[in-house]
Structure formats: C-alpha cells, structure tokens
Amino acid sequence: MRIAQTICNYDFSDLKAGYPLRGSRVPHCLYIYPAMYEKLIAFQFPGEEIIERTCSPKEYREYWTKEQELRFRGWQIGCYDKEHLEAELSVLTHHLEKIIELACRRDRKDI
C-alpha cells in the first residue's frame, strides 16, 4: 500500500503523543507514535533547543540517550524538523515508506 493512500484513509485515533517507553520524558522533543500499529515506529519532532543545541548539555545528552534507547529496542524513528516538513512531498513520502519498511514488528502481546 502506498503511503499516500494510508495517510488519506488512516484513522489517527491510535496516535499517541509522548515518549513511547513508559516512565520517560524527553525535554524539548515531541514524539508521536501509533500505539497499536504492527510495527515499532515513532515520529520525533525536536525543538529548536535541540536542533540549535541551545539546551543544556545535560538535556541534550538525555535527548540523545532516549533516542538511542528506542533504537536499541527496535524502534524505527523518523526525525522531522521544519525543513523536513516543508520538503517536497515525494521526498517525505519516500522517507516514510522506508521507515515503515525497516521497522521491527511489535510483539503480538503488545497489540
């Protein structure tokens, strides 16, 4: 299924905001992920503080550590900032298709 069809016909009620692993929070960064989707994918939107590194070194390390923790647990992360979202739709579509293709499958007990 092409991503454009998925976006047009997708029920967004499954999308959750926040860091996907319990008990954690990441400063200056928004995560959105489908909680019941068959694959482990998350969309990350770092704030200007992260992109420009104006946050404290401790906050940046925490951001980086939490991102790595997701990756080590099999999550495929799409990181987007303003330039990515303003890019040509075909580039963004190709990127989203690759993220979904490469993502690990969720354990059936988690769905």
PDB file of N, CA and C in Angstrom:
ATOM      1  N   MET A   1       0.842  -1.177   0.000  1.00  0.00           N
ATOM      2  CA  MET A   1       0.000   0.000   0.000  1.00  0.00           C
ATOM      3  C   MET A   1       0.888   1.241   0.000  1.00  0.00           C
ATOM      4  N   ARG A   2       0.586   2.169  -0.844  1.00  0.00           N
ATOM      5  CA  ARG A   2       1.341   3.409  -0.926  1.00  0.00           C
ATOM      6  C   ARG A   2       1.040   4.263   0.299  1.00  0.00           C
ATOM      7  N   ILE A   3       2.033   4.997   0.774  1.00  0.00           N
ATOM      8  CA  ILE A   3       1.870   5.822   1.973  1.00  0.00           C
ATOM      9  C   ILE A   3       0.794   6.883   1.792  1.00  0.00           C
ATOM     10  N   ALA A   4       0.671   7.465   0.599  1.00  0.00           N
ATOM     11  CA  ALA A   4      -0.339   8.497   0.364  1.00  0.00           C
ATOM     12  C   ALA A   4      -1.741   7.931   0.603  1.00  0.00           C
ATOM     13  N   GLN A   5      -1.986   6.696   0.173  1.00  0.00           N
ATOM     14  CA  GLN A   5      -3.275   6.067   0.417  1.00  0.00           C
ATOM     15  C   GLN A   5      -3.477   5.851   1.905  1.00  0.00           C
ATOM     16  N   THR A   6      -2.421   5.453   2.596  1.00  0.00           N
ATOM     17  CA  THR A   6      -2.508   5.215   4.026  1.00  0.00           C
ATOM     18  C   THR A   6      -2.856   6.503   4.756  1.00  0.00           C
ATOM     19  N   ILE A   7      -2.220   7.610   4.391  1.00  0.00           N
ATOM     20  CA  ILE A   7      -2.492   8.877   5.043  1.00  0.00           C
ATOM     21  C   ILE A   7      -3.934   9.310   4.803  1.00  0.00           C
ATOM     22  N   CYS A   8      -4.411   9.160   3.595  1.00  0.00           N
ATOM     23  CA  CYS A   8      -5.777   9.582   3.264  1.00  0.00           C
ATOM     24  C   CYS A   8      -6.821   8.761   3.996  1.00  0.00           C
ATOM     25  N   ASN A   9      -6.574   7.487   4.195  1.00  0.00           N
ATOM     26  CA  ASN A   9      -7.572   6.600   4.776  1.00  0.00           C
ATOM     27  C   ASN A   9      -7.249   6.174   6.207  1.00  0.00           C
ATOM     28  N   TYR A  10      -6.328   6.848   6.851  1.00  0.00           N
ATOM     29  CA  TYR A  10      -5.869   6.417   8.163  1.00  0.00           C
ATOM     30  C   TYR A  10      -6.745   6.978   9.271  1.00  0.00           C
ATOM     31  N   ASP A  11      -7.023   6.154  10.255  1.00  0.00           N
ATOM     32  CA  ASP A  11      -7.732   6.581  11.456  1.00  0.00           C
ATOM     33  C   ASP A  11      -6.673   7.020  12.463  1.00  0.00           C
ATOM     34  N   PHE A  12      -6.547   8.312  12.683  1.00  0.00           N
ATOM     35  CA  PHE A  12      -5.492   8.857  13.533  1.00  0.00           C
ATOM     36  C   PHE A  12      -5.783   8.730  15.024  1.00  0.00           C
ATOM     37  N   SER A  13      -6.878   8.096  15.409  1.00  0.00           N
ATOM     38  CA  SER A  13      -7.222   7.984  16.827  1.00  0.00           C
ATOM     39  C   SER A  13      -6.227   7.127  17.611  1.00  0.00           C
ATOM     40  N   ASP A  14      -5.432   6.317  16.920  1.00  0.00           N
ATOM     41  CA  ASP A  14      -4.439   5.467  17.577  1.00  0.00           C
ATOM     42  C   ASP A  14      -3.140   6.214  17.896  1.00  0.00           C
ATOM     43  N   LEU A  15      -2.958   7.407  17.356  1.00  0.00           N
ATOM     44  CA  LEU A  15      -1.707   8.135  17.580  1.00  0.00           C
ATOM     45  C   LEU A  15      -1.626   8.631  19.014  1.00  0.00           C
ATOM     46  N   LYS A  16      -0.479   8.401  19.618  1.00  0.00           N
ATOM     47  CA  LYS A  16      -0.217   8.841  20.987  1.00  0.00           C
ATOM     48  C   LYS A  16       0.914   9.851  20.952  1.00  0.00           C
ATOM     49  N   ALA A  17       0.841  10.842  21.821  1.00  0.00           N
ATOM     50  CA  ALA A  17       1.912  11.825  21.955  1.00  0.00           C
ATOM     51  C   ALA A  17       2.685  11.520  23.225  1.00  0.00           C
ATOM     52  N   GLY A  18       3.999  11.619  23.155  1.00  0.00           N
ATOM     53  CA  GLY A  18       4.860  11.347  24.298  1.00  0.00           C
ATOM     54  C   GLY A  18       5.893  10.308  23.940  1.00  0.00           C
ATOM     55  N   TYR A  19       6.863  10.160  24.795  1.00  0.00           N
ATOM     56  CA  TYR A  19       7.916   9.169  24.586  1.00  0.00           C
ATOM     57  C   TYR A  19       7.304   7.777  24.676  1.00  0.00           C
ATOM     58  N   PRO A  20       7.562   6.902  23.706  1.00  0.00           N
ATOM     59  CA  PRO A  20       6.879   5.604  23.652  1.00  0.00           C
ATOM     60  C   PRO A  20       7.168   4.631  24.805  1.00  0.00           C
ATOM     61  N   LEU A  21       8.286   4.782  25.489  1.00  0.00           N
ATOM     62  CA  LEU A  21       8.592   3.878  26.597  1.00  0.00           C
ATOM     63  C   LEU A  21       8.098   4.487  27.896  1.00  0.00           C
ATOM     64  N   ARG A  22       7.507   3.673  28.714  1.00  0.00           N
ATOM     65  CA  ARG A  22       6.892   4.151  29.952  1.00  0.00           C
ATOM     66  C   ARG A  22       7.904   4.773  30.909  1.00  0.00           C
ATOM     67  N   GLY A  23       7.396   5.731  31.653  1.00  0.00           N
ATOM     68  CA  GLY A  23       8.187   6.337  32.709  1.00  0.00           C
ATOM     69  C   GLY A  23       9.254   7.303  32.239  1.00  0.00           C
ATOM     70  N   SER A  24       9.227   7.675  30.996  1.00  0.00           N
ATOM     71  CA  SER A  24      10.259   8.568  30.476  1.00  0.00           C
ATOM     72  C   SER A  24       9.643   9.798  29.831  1.00  0.00           C
ATOM     73  N   ARG A  25      10.421  10.837  29.835  1.00  0.00           N
ATOM     74  CA  ARG A  25      10.052  12.089  29.186  1.00  0.00           C
ATOM     75  C   ARG A  25      11.336  12.654  28.585  1.00  0.00           C
ATOM     76  N   VAL A  26      11.211  13.307  27.456  1.00  0.00           N
ATOM     77  CA  VAL A  26      12.371  13.884  26.794  1.00  0.00           C
ATOM     78  C   VAL A  26      12.148  15.391  26.672  1.00  0.00           C
ATOM     79  N   PRO A  27      13.051  16.195  27.244  1.00  0.00           N
ATOM     80  CA  PRO A  27      12.865  17.640  27.155  1.00  0.00           C
ATOM     81  C   PRO A  27      13.063  18.153  25.725  1.00  0.00           C
ATOM     82  N   HIS A  28      12.276  19.157  25.363  1.00  0.00           N
ATOM     83  CA  HIS A  28      12.413  19.848  24.072  1.00  0.00           C
ATOM     84  C   HIS A  28      12.190  18.937  22.866  1.00  0.00           C
ATOM     85  N   CYS A  29      11.384  17.906  23.022  1.00  0.00           N
ATOM     86  CA  CYS A  29      11.169  16.975  21.915  1.00  0.00           C
ATOM     87  C   CYS A  29       9.771  16.367  22.026  1.00  0.00           C
ATOM     88  N   LEU A  30       9.071  16.315  20.906  1.00  0.00           N
ATOM     89  CA  LEU A  30       7.752  15.698  20.858  1.00  0.00           C
ATOM     90  C   LEU A  30       7.855  14.385  20.089  1.00  0.00           C
ATOM     91  N   TYR A  31       7.300  13.333  20.650  1.00  0.00           N
ATOM     92  CA  TYR A  31       7.192  12.045  19.965  1.00  0.00           C
ATOM     93  C   TYR A  31       5.721  11.780  19.698  1.00  0.00           C
ATOM     94  N   ILE A  32       5.418  11.288  18.516  1.00  0.00           N
ATOM     95  CA  ILE A  32       4.075  10.822  18.169  1.00  0.00           C
ATOM     96  C   ILE A  32       4.251   9.424  17.589  1.00  0.00           C
ATOM     97  N   TYR A  33       3.436   8.490  18.049  1.00  0.00           N
ATOM     98  CA  TYR A  33       3.572   7.109  17.571  1.00  0.00           C
ATOM     99  C   TYR A  33       2.218   6.411  17.587  1.00  0.00           C
ATOM    100  N   PRO A  34       2.026   5.465  16.664  1.00  0.00           N
ATOM    101  CA  PRO A  34       0.801   4.662  16.691  1.00  0.00           C
ATOM    102  C   PRO A  34       0.960   3.538  17.717  1.00  0.00           C
ATOM    103  N   ALA A  35       0.118   3.530  18.718  1.00  0.00           N
ATOM    104  CA  ALA A  35       0.256   2.576  19.826  1.00  0.00           C
ATOM    105  C   ALA A  35      -0.124   1.149  19.456  1.00  0.00           C
ATOM    106  N   MET A  36      -0.983   0.973  18.468  1.00  0.00           N
ATOM    107  CA  MET A  36      -1.451  -0.367  18.139  1.00  0.00           C
ATOM    108  C   MET A  36      -0.979  -0.845  16.767  1.00  0.00           C
ATOM    109  N   TYR A  37      -0.138  -0.085  16.119  1.00  0.00           N
ATOM    110  CA  TYR A  37       0.339  -0.462  14.791  1.00  0.00           C
ATOM    111  C   TYR A  37       1.224  -1.693  14.905  1.00  0.00           C
ATOM    112  N   GLU A  38       1.289  -2.491  13.859  1.00  0.00           N
ATOM    113  CA  GLU A  38       2.030  -3.755  13.895  1.00  0.00           C
ATOM    114  C   GLU A  38       3.541  -3.584  13.960  1.00  0.00           C
ATOM    115  N   LYS A  39       4.037  -2.385  13.673  1.00  0.00           N
ATOM    116  CA  LYS A  39       5.482  -2.147  13.702  1.00  0.00           C
ATOM    117  C   LYS A  39       5.825  -1.042  14.693  1.00  0.00           C
ATOM    118  N   LEU A  40       7.065  -1.091  15.173  1.00  0.00           N
ATOM    119  CA  LEU A  40       7.544  -0.104  16.137  1.00  0.00           C
ATOM    120  C   LEU A  40       8.080   1.121  15.400  1.00  0.00           C
ATOM    121  N   ILE A  41       7.219   2.104  15.212  1.00  0.00           N
ATOM    122  CA  ILE A  41       7.633   3.337  14.550  1.00  0.00           C
ATOM    123  C   ILE A  41       7.221   4.524  15.417  1.00  0.00           C
ATOM    124  N   ALA A  42       8.062   5.547  15.390  1.00  0.00           N
ATOM    125  CA  ALA A  42       7.768   6.780  16.117  1.00  0.00           C
ATOM    126  C   ALA A  42       8.254   7.949  15.280  1.00  0.00           C
ATOM    127  N   PHE A  43       7.551   9.051  15.411  1.00  0.00           N
ATOM    128  CA  PHE A  43       7.914  10.274  14.709  1.00  0.00           C
ATOM    129  C   PHE A  43       8.377  11.272  15.750  1.00  0.00           C
ATOM    130  N   GLN A  44       9.573  11.768  15.558  1.00  0.00           N
ATOM    131  CA  GLN A  44      10.215  12.642  16.530  1.00  0.00           C
ATOM    132  C   GLN A  44      10.283  14.060  15.956  1.00  0.00           C
ATOM    133  N   PHE A  45       9.890  15.033  16.778  1.00  0.00           N
ATOM    134  CA  PHE A  45       9.933  16.439  16.383  1.00  0.00           C
ATOM    135  C   PHE A  45      10.754  17.199  17.419  1.00  0.00           C
ATOM    136  N   PRO A  46      12.066  17.307  17.192  1.00  0.00           N
ATOM    137  CA  PRO A  46      12.901  18.019  18.168  1.00  0.00           C
ATOM    138  C   PRO A  46      12.644  19.519  18.106  1.00  0.00           C
ATOM    139  N   GLY A  47      12.685  20.151  19.267  1.00  0.00           N
ATOM    140  CA  GLY A  47      12.503  21.593  19.341  1.00  0.00           C
ATOM    141  C   GLY A  47      13.761  22.330  18.903  1.00  0.00           C
ATOM    142  N   GLU A  48      13.612  23.619  18.740  1.00  0.00           N
ATOM    143  CA  GLU A  48      14.743  24.462  18.343  1.00  0.00           C
ATOM    144  C   GLU A  48      15.914  24.309  19.308  1.00  0.00           C
ATOM    145  N   GLU A  49      15.621  24.094  20.602  1.00  0.00           N
ATOM    146  CA  GLU A  49      16.684  23.950  21.600  1.00  0.00           C
ATOM    147  C   GLU A  49      17.603  22.770  21.279  1.00  0.00           C
ATOM    148  N   ILE A  50      17.019  21.699  20.761  1.00  0.00           N
ATOM    149  CA  ILE A  50      17.804  20.514  20.390  1.00  0.00           C
ATOM    150  C   ILE A  50      18.531  20.766  19.070  1.00  0.00           C
ATOM    151  N   ILE A  51      17.817  21.256  18.088  1.00  0.00           N
ATOM    152  CA  ILE A  51      18.394  21.461  16.757  1.00  0.00           C
ATOM    153  C   ILE A  51      19.559  22.444  16.809  1.00  0.00           C
ATOM    154  N   GLU A  52      19.373  23.536  17.534  1.00  0.00           N
ATOM    155  CA  GLU A  52      20.415  24.554  17.601  1.00  0.00           C
ATOM    156  C   GLU A  52      21.375  24.344  18.775  1.00  0.00           C
ATOM    157  N   ARG A  53      21.101  23.327  19.577  1.00  0.00           N
ATOM    158  CA  ARG A  53      21.907  22.983  20.752  1.00  0.00           C
ATOM    159  C   ARG A  53      22.034  24.150  21.731  1.00  0.00           C
ATOM    160  N   THR A  54      20.897  24.802  21.950  1.00  0.00           N
ATOM    161  CA  THR A  54      20.877  25.868  22.945  1.00  0.00           C
ATOM    162  C   THR A  54      20.400  25.357  24.299  1.00  0.00           C
ATOM    163  N   CYS A  55      19.996  24.098  24.354  1.00  0.00           N
ATOM    164  CA  CYS A  55      19.619  23.492  25.626  1.00  0.00           C
ATOM    165  C   CYS A  55      20.895  23.190  26.414  1.00  0.00           C
ATOM    166  N   SER A  56      20.732  22.785  27.640  1.00  0.00           N
ATOM    167  CA  SER A  56      21.907  22.455  28.453  1.00  0.00           C
ATOM    168  C   SER A  56      22.538  21.159  27.935  1.00  0.00           C
ATOM    169  N   PRO A  57      23.832  20.965  28.185  1.00  0.00           N
ATOM    170  CA  PRO A  57      24.468  19.702  27.783  1.00  0.00           C
ATOM    171  C   PRO A  57      23.760  18.482  28.385  1.00  0.00           C
ATOM    172  N   LYS A  58      23.280  18.616  29.612  1.00  0.00           N
ATOM    173  CA  LYS A  58      22.571  17.509  30.261  1.00  0.00           C
ATOM    174  C   LYS A  58      21.278  17.179  29.506  1.00  0.00           C
ATOM    175  N   GLU A  59      20.519  18.217  29.094  1.00  0.00           N
ATOM    176  CA  GLU A  59      19.279  17.989  28.356  1.00  0.00           C
ATOM    177  C   GLU A  59      19.568  17.359  26.995  1.00  0.00           C
ATOM    178  N   TYR A  60      20.627  17.786  26.332  1.00  0.00           N
ATOM    179  CA  TYR A  60      20.964  17.198  25.036  1.00  0.00           C
ATOM    180  C   TYR A  60      21.370  15.727  25.192  1.00  0.00           C
ATOM    181  N   ARG A  61      22.157  15.417  26.209  1.00  0.00           N
ATOM    182  CA  ARG A  61      22.548  14.012  26.462  1.00  0.00           C
ATOM    183  C   ARG A  61      21.316  13.163  26.733  1.00  0.00           C
ATOM    184  N   GLU A  62      20.379  13.721  27.502  1.00  0.00           N
ATOM    185  CA  GLU A  62      19.154  12.974  27.810  1.00  0.00           C
ATOM    186  C   GLU A  62      18.360  12.708  26.528  1.00  0.00           C
ATOM    187  N   TYR A  63      18.237  13.715  25.674  1.00  0.00           N
ATOM    188  CA  TYR A  63      17.568  13.555  24.373  1.00  0.00           C
ATOM    189  C   TYR A  63      18.254  12.453  23.571  1.00  0.00           C
ATOM    190  N   TRP A  64      19.556  12.535  23.446  1.00  0.00           N
ATOM    191  CA  TRP A  64      20.320  11.560  22.656  1.00  0.00           C
ATOM    192  C   TRP A  64      20.205  10.160  23.253  1.00  0.00           C
ATOM    193  N   THR A  65      20.314  10.050  24.559  1.00  0.00           N
ATOM    194  CA  THR A  65      20.227   8.748  25.240  1.00  0.00           C
ATOM    195  C   THR A  65      18.857   8.108  25.032  1.00  0.00           C
ATOM    196  N   LYS A  66      17.805   8.897  25.158  1.00  0.00           N
ATOM    197  CA  LYS A  66      16.449   8.364  24.980  1.00  0.00           C
ATOM    198  C   LYS A  66      16.206   7.934  23.538  1.00  0.00           C
ATOM    199  N   GLU A  67      16.745   8.687  22.584  1.00  0.00           N
ATOM    200  CA  GLU A  67      16.611   8.287  21.181  1.00  0.00           C
ATOM    201  C   GLU A  67      17.324   6.956  20.941  1.00  0.00           C
ATOM    202  N   GLN A  68      18.532   6.815  21.471  1.00  0.00           N
ATOM    203  CA  GLN A  68      19.282   5.571  21.310  1.00  0.00           C
ATOM    204  C   GLN A  68      18.581   4.396  21.987  1.00  0.00           C
ATOM    205  N   GLU A  69      17.983   4.652  23.141  1.00  0.00           N
ATOM    206  CA  GLU A  69      17.254   3.588  23.837  1.00  0.00           C
ATOM    207  C   GLU A  69      16.130   3.043  22.969  1.00  0.00           C
ATOM    208  N   LEU A  70      15.394   3.922  22.311  1.00  0.00           N
ATOM    209  CA  LEU A  70      14.336   3.457  21.405  1.00  0.00           C
ATOM    210  C   LEU A  70      14.920   2.612  20.281  1.00  0.00           C
ATOM    211  N   ARG A  71      15.987   3.104  19.663  1.00  0.00           N
ATOM    212  CA  ARG A  71      16.605   2.374  18.547  1.00  0.00           C
ATOM    213  C   ARG A  71      17.096   0.997  18.993  1.00  0.00           C
ATOM    214  N   PHE A  72      17.721   0.923  20.166  1.00  0.00           N
ATOM    215  CA  PHE A  72      18.213  -0.360  20.670  1.00  0.00           C
ATOM    216  C   PHE A  72      17.078  -1.341  20.935  1.00  0.00           C
ATOM    217  N   ARG A  73      15.901  -0.833  21.218  1.00  0.00           N
ATOM    218  CA  ARG A  73      14.740  -1.688  21.473  1.00  0.00           C
ATOM    219  C   ARG A  73      13.953  -1.994  20.204  1.00  0.00           C
ATOM    220  N   GLY A  74      14.508  -1.606  19.049  1.00  0.00           N
ATOM    221  CA  GLY A  74      13.904  -1.975  17.777  1.00  0.00           C
ATOM    222  C   GLY A  74      12.994  -0.949  17.143  1.00  0.00           C
ATOM    223  N   TRP A  75      12.892   0.229  17.729  1.00  0.00           N
ATOM    224  CA  TRP A  75      12.037   1.268  17.161  1.00  0.00           C
ATOM    225  C   TRP A  75      12.719   1.925  15.977  1.00  0.00           C
ATOM    226  N   GLN A  76      11.948   2.196  14.942  1.00  0.00           N
ATOM    227  CA  GLN A  76      12.410   2.966  13.792  1.00  0.00           C
ATOM    228  C   GLN A  76      11.886   4.385  14.005  1.00  0.00           C
ATOM    229  N   ILE A  77      12.778   5.366  13.994  1.00  0.00           N
ATOM    230  CA  ILE A  77      12.401   6.738  14.328  1.00  0.00           C
ATOM    231  C   ILE A  77      12.557   7.640  13.116  1.00  0.00           C
ATOM    232  N   GLY A  78      11.512   8.359  12.806  1.00  0.00           N
ATOM    233  CA  GLY A  78      11.582   9.405  11.786  1.00  0.00           C
ATOM    234  C   GLY A  78      11.723  10.730  12.510  1.00  0.00           C
ATOM    235  N   CYS A  79      12.818  11.418  12.270  1.00  0.00           N
ATOM    236  CA  CYS A  79      13.084  12.689  12.937  1.00  0.00           C
ATOM    237  C   CYS A  79      12.791  13.813  11.947  1.00  0.00           C
ATOM    238  N   TYR A  80      11.913  14.724  12.341  1.00  0.00           N
ATOM    239  CA  TYR A  80      11.483  15.787  11.441  1.00  0.00           C
ATOM    240  C   TYR A  80      11.601  17.145  12.100  1.00  0.00           C
ATOM    241  N   ASP A  81      12.130  18.088  11.366  1.00  0.00           N
ATOM    242  CA  ASP A  81      12.123  19.478  11.794  1.00  0.00           C
ATOM    243  C   ASP A  81      11.426  20.286  10.708  1.00  0.00           C
ATOM    244  N   LYS A  82      11.427  21.583  10.848  1.00  0.00           N
ATOM    245  CA  LYS A  82      10.687  22.439   9.919  1.00  0.00           C
ATOM    246  C   LYS A  82      11.096  22.207   8.467  1.00  0.00           C
ATOM    247  N   GLU A  83      12.404  22.083   8.188  1.00  0.00           N
ATOM    248  CA  GLU A  83      12.860  21.884   6.808  1.00  0.00           C
ATOM    249  C   GLU A  83      12.338  20.572   6.224  1.00  0.00           C
ATOM    250  N   HIS A  84      12.308  19.516   7.043  1.00  0.00           N
ATOM    251  CA  HIS A  84      11.797  18.230   6.562  1.00  0.00           C
ATOM    252  C   HIS A  84      10.321  18.327   6.191  1.00  0.00           C
ATOM    253  N   LEU A  85       9.568  19.010   7.025  1.00  0.00           N
ATOM    254  CA  LEU A  85       8.129  19.094   6.785  1.00  0.00           C
ATOM    255  C   LEU A  85       7.787  19.998   5.602  1.00  0.00           C
ATOM    256  N   GLU A  86       8.703  20.890   5.272  1.00  0.00           N
ATOM    257  CA  GLU A  86       8.487  21.766   4.130  1.00  0.00           C
ATOM    258  C   GLU A  86       9.103  21.202   2.851  1.00  0.00           C
ATOM    259  N   ALA A  87       9.710  20.032   2.939  1.00  0.00           N
ATOM    260  CA  ALA A  87      10.344  19.409   1.773  1.00  0.00           C
ATOM    261  C   ALA A  87       9.285  18.964   0.769  1.00  0.00           C
ATOM    262  N   GLU A  88       9.751  18.616  -0.381  1.00  0.00           N
ATOM    263  CA  GLU A  88       8.870  18.110  -1.421  1.00  0.00           C
ATOM    264  C   GLU A  88       8.149  16.861  -0.920  1.00  0.00           C
ATOM    265  N   LEU A  89       6.863  16.750  -1.213  1.00  0.00           N
ATOM    266  CA  LEU A  89       6.043  15.651  -0.722  1.00  0.00           C
ATOM    267  C   LEU A  89       6.598  14.287  -1.128  1.00  0.00           C
ATOM    268  N   SER A  90       7.149  14.160  -2.329  1.00  0.00           N
ATOM    269  CA  SER A  90       7.665  12.859  -2.769  1.00  0.00           C
ATOM    270  C   SER A  90       8.855  12.426  -1.913  1.00  0.00           C
ATOM    271  N   VAL A  91       9.679  13.368  -1.467  1.00  0.00           N
ATOM    272  CA  VAL A  91      10.822  13.045  -0.603  1.00  0.00           C
ATOM    273  C   VAL A  91      10.322  12.565   0.756  1.00  0.00           C
ATOM    274  N   LEU A  92       9.366  13.286   1.322  1.00  0.00           N
ATOM    275  CA  LEU A  92       8.799  12.908   2.611  1.00  0.00           C
ATOM    276  C   LEU A  92       8.091  11.556   2.524  1.00  0.00           C
ATOM    277  N   THR A  93       7.352  11.338   1.464  1.00  0.00           N
ATOM    278  CA  THR A  93       6.656  10.070   1.256  1.00  0.00           C
ATOM    279  C   THR A  93       7.642   8.911   1.169  1.00  0.00           C
ATOM    280  N   HIS A  94       8.719   9.081   0.419  1.00  0.00           N
ATOM    281  CA  HIS A  94       9.742   8.037   0.293  1.00  0.00           C
ATOM    282  C   HIS A  94      10.362   7.736   1.659  1.00  0.00           C
ATOM    283  N   HIS A  95      10.636   8.768   2.430  1.00  0.00           N
ATOM    284  CA  HIS A  95      11.225   8.587   3.759  1.00  0.00           C
ATOM    285  C   HIS A  95      10.279   7.808   4.668  1.00  0.00           C
ATOM    286  N   LEU A  96       9.008   8.149   4.665  1.00  0.00           N
ATOM    287  CA  LEU A  96       8.026   7.440   5.492  1.00  0.00           C
ATOM    288  C   LEU A  96       7.882   5.973   5.072  1.00  0.00           C
ATOM    289  N   GLU A  97       7.891   5.717   3.781  1.00  0.00           N
ATOM    290  CA  GLU A  97       7.809   4.332   3.303  1.00  0.00           C
ATOM    291  C   GLU A  97       9.003   3.516   3.791  1.00  0.00           C
ATOM    292  N   LYS A  98      10.191   4.095   3.772  1.00  0.00           N
ATOM    293  CA  LYS A  98      11.392   3.384   4.230  1.00  0.00           C
ATOM    294  C   LYS A  98      11.325   3.109   5.729  1.00  0.00           C
ATOM    295  N   ILE A  99      10.855   4.074   6.502  1.00  0.00           N
ATOM    296  CA  ILE A  99      10.730   3.871   7.948  1.00  0.00           C
ATOM    297  C   ILE A  99       9.819   2.693   8.240  1.00  0.00           C
ATOM    298  N   ILE A 100       8.670   2.657   7.585  1.00  0.00           N
ATOM    299  CA  ILE A 100       7.721   1.568   7.809  1.00  0.00           C
ATOM    300  C   ILE A 100       8.301   0.234   7.349  1.00  0.00           C
ATOM    301  N   GLU A 101       8.989   0.229   6.218  1.00  0.00           N
ATOM    302  CA  GLU A 101       9.590  -0.995   5.689  1.00  0.00           C
ATOM    303  C   GLU A 101      10.645  -1.555   6.643  1.00  0.00           C
ATOM    304  N   LEU A 102      11.463  -0.693   7.230  1.00  0.00           N
ATOM    305  CA  LEU A 102      12.583  -1.135   8.064  1.00  0.00           C
ATOM    306  C   LEU A 102      12.210  -1.403   9.518  1.00  0.00           C
ATOM    307  N   ALA A 103      11.056  -0.964   9.946  1.00  0.00           N
ATOM    308  CA  ALA A 103      10.672  -1.092  11.355  1.00  0.00           C
ATOM    309  C   ALA A 103      10.483  -2.544  11.759  1.00  0.00           C
ATOM    310  N   CYS A 104      10.857  -2.816  13.003  1.00  0.00           N
ATOM    311  CA  CYS A 104      10.654  -4.146  13.586  1.00  0.00           C
ATOM    312  C   CYS A 104       9.171  -4.348  13.887  1.00  0.00           C
ATOM    313  N   ARG A 105       8.752  -5.584  13.834  1.00  0.00           N
ATOM    314  CA  ARG A 105       7.363  -5.897  14.185  1.00  0.00           C
ATOM    315  C   ARG A 105       7.207  -5.888  15.691  1.00  0.00           C
ATOM    316  N   ARG A 106       6.066  -5.430  16.108  1.00  0.00           N
ATOM    317  CA  ARG A 106       5.710  -5.399  17.518  1.00  0.00           C
ATOM    318  C   ARG A 106       5.363  -6.817  17.978  1.00  0.00           C
ATOM    319  N   ASP A 107       5.650  -7.144  19.223  1.00  0.00           N
ATOM    320  CA  ASP A 107       5.208  -8.425  19.780  1.00  0.00           C
ATOM    321  C   ASP A 107       3.691  -8.436  19.764  1.00  0.00           C
ATOM    322  N   ARG A 108       3.093  -9.527  19.372  1.00  0.00           N
ATOM    323  CA  ARG A 108       1.632  -9.613  19.276  1.00  0.00           C
ATOM    324  C   ARG A 108       0.985  -9.341  20.643  1.00  0.00           C
ATOM    325  N   LYS A 109       1.664  -9.670  21.727  1.00  0.00           N
ATOM    326  CA  LYS A 109       1.090  -9.440  23.058  1.00  0.00           C
ATOM    327  C   LYS A 109       0.970  -7.953  23.388  1.00  0.00           C
ATOM    328  N   ASP A 110       1.742  -7.092  22.676  1.00  0.00           N
ATOM    329  CA  ASP A 110       1.703  -5.650  22.917  1.00  0.00           C
ATOM    330  C   ASP A 110       0.596  -4.954  22.126  1.00  0.00           C
ATOM    331  N   ILE A 111      -0.022  -5.654  21.186  1.00  0.00           N
ATOM    332  CA  ILE A 111      -1.063  -5.032  20.351  1.00  0.00           C
ATOM    333  C   ILE A 111      -2.411  -5.228  20.973  1.00  0.00           C
TER     334      ILE A 111
END
